[in-house]
C-alpha cells in the first residue's frame, strides 16, 4: 500500500493591510471612538475587530439614549407619579457593555509607545 504524499508547503506572508474602516456603518460617536482606538492600538484579528465594532455601535446607542434623557429629563411623569426615565437604565447597560468589552480587549492598558528617548531630550 502506497503512503499518501504530503501536500507541498508554501510560505504565507502576514497581511500588511490594516482595517481602517469598520465593517458596518457607525454614527458620529462610534466612528470617533473607532478612529481613536485604531490610532492607538493594532487590532487586526477578526474577533477583536468585531468586538470593537460592537463597542462602537453600542456607544452610538448610548449617546442616542442620553440625548433622549437630556431632552425629557431624568424623571418622567406617569399616571402613577414621577418615575426614572426608562432610557436611563438602558443607557447605563450600554455604557457597562462598552467598558467591560474595552477591558476584555485589553484597551484599558497603556497603548504601545516607541522605545527610546523622547524627541528633543538632548
C-alpha atoms as a PDB file:
ATOM      1  CA  UNK A   1       0.000   0.000   0.000  1.00  0.00           C
ATOM      2  CA  UNK A   2       1.327   3.376  -1.008  1.00  0.00           C
ATOM      3  CA  UNK A   3       1.562   6.098   1.622  1.00  0.00           C
ATOM      4  CA  UNK A   4      -0.326   9.314   0.707  1.00  0.00           C
ATOM      5  CA  UNK A   5       2.052  12.149  -0.110  1.00  0.00           C
ATOM      6  CA  UNK A   6       2.082  15.278   1.971  1.00  0.00           C
ATOM      7  CA  UNK A   7       0.980  18.484   0.279  1.00  0.00           C
ATOM      8  CA  UNK A   8       3.732  20.919  -0.591  1.00  0.00           C
ATOM      9  CA  UNK A   9       4.264  23.631   1.983  1.00  0.00           C
ATOM     10  CA  UNK A  10       4.215  27.248   0.965  1.00  0.00           C
ATOM     11  CA  UNK A  11       5.132  30.377   2.842  1.00  0.00           C
ATOM     12  CA  UNK A  12       2.238  32.680   3.570  1.00  0.00           C
ATOM     13  CA  UNK A  13       3.154  36.248   4.321  1.00  0.00           C
ATOM     14  CA  UNK A  14       1.316  38.081   7.052  1.00  0.00           C
ATOM     15  CA  UNK A  15      -1.171  40.580   5.756  1.00  0.00           C
ATOM     16  CA  UNK A  16       0.152  44.115   5.862  1.00  0.00           C
ATOM     17  CA  UNK A  17      -3.277  45.602   5.313  1.00  0.00           C
ATOM     18  CA  UNK A  18      -4.822  47.021   8.441  1.00  0.00           C
ATOM     19  CA  UNK A  19      -8.502  47.544   8.976  1.00  0.00           C
ATOM     20  CA  UNK A  20      -9.095  51.255   8.950  1.00  0.00           C
ATOM     21  CA  UNK A  21     -12.813  51.216   8.248  1.00  0.00           C
ATOM     22  CA  UNK A  22     -15.434  49.415  10.357  1.00  0.00           C
ATOM     23  CA  UNK A  23     -17.413  46.609   8.744  1.00  0.00           C
ATOM     24  CA  UNK A  24     -20.709  48.398   9.494  1.00  0.00           C
ATOM     25  CA  UNK A  25     -21.889  51.978   9.386  1.00  0.00           C
ATOM     26  CA  UNK A  26     -21.279  53.792  12.639  1.00  0.00           C
ATOM     27  CA  UNK A  27     -22.647  57.075  13.890  1.00  0.00           C
ATOM     28  CA  UNK A  28     -20.630  60.131  14.844  1.00  0.00           C
ATOM     29  CA  UNK A  29     -19.641  58.943  18.333  1.00  0.00           C
ATOM     30  CA  UNK A  30     -18.957  55.339  17.343  1.00  0.00           C
ATOM     31  CA  UNK A  31     -16.816  56.327  14.361  1.00  0.00           C
ATOM     32  CA  UNK A  32     -14.827  58.781  16.511  1.00  0.00           C
ATOM     33  CA  UNK A  33     -14.122  56.005  19.041  1.00  0.00           C
ATOM     34  CA  UNK A  34     -13.222  53.576  16.208  1.00  0.00           C
ATOM     35  CA  UNK A  35     -10.702  56.060  14.782  1.00  0.00           C
ATOM     36  CA  UNK A  36      -9.252  56.903  18.203  1.00  0.00           C
ATOM     37  CA  UNK A  37      -8.731  53.261  19.166  1.00  0.00           C
ATOM     38  CA  UNK A  38      -7.284  52.329  15.774  1.00  0.00           C
ATOM     39  CA  UNK A  39      -4.817  55.211  16.025  1.00  0.00           C
ATOM     40  CA  UNK A  40      -3.510  53.913  19.368  1.00  0.00           C
ATOM     41  CA  UNK A  41      -3.830  50.119  19.118  1.00  0.00           C
ATOM     42  CA  UNK A  42      -3.359  47.462  16.460  1.00  0.00           C
ATOM     43  CA  UNK A  43      -6.473  45.285  16.436  1.00  0.00           C
ATOM     44  CA  UNK A  44      -6.260  43.007  13.435  1.00  0.00           C
ATOM     45  CA  UNK A  45      -7.879  39.696  14.403  1.00  0.00           C
ATOM     46  CA  UNK A  46     -11.453  39.144  13.206  1.00  0.00           C
ATOM     47  CA  UNK A  47     -12.811  38.592  16.715  1.00  0.00           C
ATOM     48  CA  UNK A  48     -11.207  41.724  18.106  1.00  0.00           C
ATOM     49  CA  UNK A  49     -12.413  43.815  15.170  1.00  0.00           C
ATOM     50  CA  UNK A  50     -15.973  42.518  15.635  1.00  0.00           C
ATOM     51  CA  UNK A  51     -15.913  43.267  19.365  1.00  0.00           C
ATOM     52  CA  UNK A  52     -14.660  46.777  18.599  1.00  0.00           C
ATOM     53  CA  UNK A  53     -17.464  47.295  16.045  1.00  0.00           C
ATOM     54  CA  UNK A  54     -19.992  46.168  18.666  1.00  0.00           C
ATOM     55  CA  UNK A  55     -18.471  48.552  21.223  1.00  0.00           C
ATOM     56  CA  UNK A  56     -18.609  51.475  18.809  1.00  0.00           C
ATOM     57  CA  UNK A  57     -22.185  50.796  17.695  1.00  0.00           C
ATOM     58  CA  UNK A  58     -23.214  50.474  21.349  1.00  0.00           C
ATOM     59  CA  UNK A  59     -21.632  53.864  22.036  1.00  0.00           C
ATOM     60  CA  UNK A  60     -23.856  55.340  19.324  1.00  0.00           C
ATOM     61  CA  UNK A  61     -26.868  53.749  21.048  1.00  0.00           C
ATOM     62  CA  UNK A  62     -25.801  55.041  24.463  1.00  0.00           C
ATOM     63  CA  UNK A  63     -25.399  58.574  23.131  1.00  0.00           C
ATOM     64  CA  UNK A  64     -28.824  58.378  21.480  1.00  0.00           C
ATOM     65  CA  UNK A  65     -30.370  57.273  24.771  1.00  0.00           C
ATOM     66  CA  UNK A  66     -28.514  60.043  26.618  1.00  0.00           C
ATOM     67  CA  UNK A  67     -29.974  62.589  24.182  1.00  0.00           C
ATOM     68  CA  UNK A  68     -33.478  61.305  24.986  1.00  0.00           C
ATOM     69  CA  UNK A  69     -32.828  61.676  28.715  1.00  0.00           C
ATOM     70  CA  UNK A  70     -31.391  65.158  28.176  1.00  0.00           C
ATOM     71  CA  UNK A  71     -34.461  66.122  26.170  1.00  0.00           C
ATOM     72  CA  UNK A  72     -37.066  64.656  28.559  1.00  0.00           C
ATOM     73  CA  UNK A  73     -35.241  64.975  31.868  1.00  0.00           C
ATOM     74  CA  UNK A  74     -34.071  62.208  34.215  1.00  0.00           C
ATOM     75  CA  UNK A  75     -37.576  61.653  35.564  1.00  0.00           C
ATOM     76  CA  UNK A  76     -40.853  61.435  33.662  1.00  0.00           C
ATOM     77  CA  UNK A  77     -44.431  61.848  34.817  1.00  0.00           C
ATOM     78  CA  UNK A  78     -46.561  58.723  34.588  1.00  0.00           C
ATOM     79  CA  UNK A  79     -50.106  58.048  35.769  1.00  0.00           C
ATOM     80  CA  UNK A  80     -48.532  56.703  38.978  1.00  0.00           C
ATOM     81  CA  UNK A  81     -46.330  59.754  39.560  1.00  0.00           C
ATOM     82  CA  UNK A  82     -42.701  60.578  38.819  1.00  0.00           C
ATOM     83  CA  UNK A  83     -40.557  57.694  37.597  1.00  0.00           C
ATOM     84  CA  UNK A  84     -36.971  57.327  36.478  1.00  0.00           C
ATOM     85  CA  UNK A  85     -36.654  57.846  32.729  1.00  0.00           C
ATOM     86  CA  UNK A  86     -36.732  54.357  31.123  1.00  0.00           C
ATOM     87  CA  UNK A  87     -33.771  55.214  28.903  1.00  0.00           C
ATOM     88  CA  UNK A  88     -31.509  55.758  31.945  1.00  0.00           C
ATOM     89  CA  UNK A  89     -31.259  52.056  32.680  1.00  0.00           C
ATOM     90  CA  UNK A  90     -30.710  51.199  29.011  1.00  0.00           C
ATOM     91  CA  UNK A  91     -28.008  53.854  28.697  1.00  0.00           C
ATOM     92  CA  UNK A  92     -26.245  52.528  31.789  1.00  0.00           C
ATOM     93  CA  UNK A  93     -26.400  49.000  30.349  1.00  0.00           C
ATOM     94  CA  UNK A  94     -24.821  50.207  27.106  1.00  0.00           C
ATOM     95  CA  UNK A  95     -22.034  52.003  28.924  1.00  0.00           C
ATOM     96  CA  UNK A  96     -21.363  48.950  31.115  1.00  0.00           C
ATOM     97  CA  UNK A  97     -21.119  46.801  27.961  1.00  0.00           C
ATOM     98  CA  UNK A  98     -18.644  49.264  26.468  1.00  0.00           C
ATOM     99  CA  UNK A  99     -16.317  49.427  29.459  1.00  0.00           C
ATOM    100  CA  UNK A 100     -16.472  45.664  30.082  1.00  0.00           C
ATOM    101  CA  UNK A 101     -15.534  44.863  26.485  1.00  0.00           C
ATOM    102  CA  UNK A 102     -12.825  47.516  26.278  1.00  0.00           C
ATOM    103  CA  UNK A 103     -11.244  45.722  29.236  1.00  0.00           C
ATOM    104  CA  UNK A 104     -11.670  42.337  27.536  1.00  0.00           C
ATOM    105  CA  UNK A 105      -9.797  43.669  24.516  1.00  0.00           C
ATOM    106  CA  UNK A 106      -7.098  44.978  26.837  1.00  0.00           C
ATOM    107  CA  UNK A 107      -7.710  48.561  25.751  1.00  0.00           C
ATOM    108  CA  UNK A 108      -7.739  49.828  29.314  1.00  0.00           C
ATOM    109  CA  UNK A 109      -3.964  49.409  29.265  1.00  0.00           C
ATOM    110  CA  UNK A 110      -1.500  51.999  28.041  1.00  0.00           C
ATOM    111  CA  UNK A 111      -1.054  51.961  24.237  1.00  0.00           C
ATOM    112  CA  UNK A 112       2.200  50.896  22.628  1.00  0.00           C
ATOM    113  CA  UNK A 113       4.844  53.609  22.608  1.00  0.00           C
ATOM    114  CA  UNK A 114       8.103  53.960  20.761  1.00  0.00           C
ATOM    115  CA  UNK A 115      11.139  52.677  22.620  1.00  0.00           C
ATOM    116  CA  UNK A 116      13.931  55.098  23.353  1.00  0.00           C
ATOM    117  CA  UNK A 117      14.330  58.699  24.305  1.00  0.00           C
ATOM    118  CA  UNK A 118      11.567  61.129  23.610  1.00  0.00           C
ATOM    119  CA  UNK A 119      12.295  63.576  20.794  1.00  0.00           C
ATOM    120  CA  UNK A 120      14.195  66.683  21.861  1.00  0.00           C
ATOM    121  CA  UNK A 121      15.551  65.084  25.060  1.00  0.00           C
ATOM    122  CA  UNK A 122      19.148  66.260  24.465  1.00  0.00           C
END
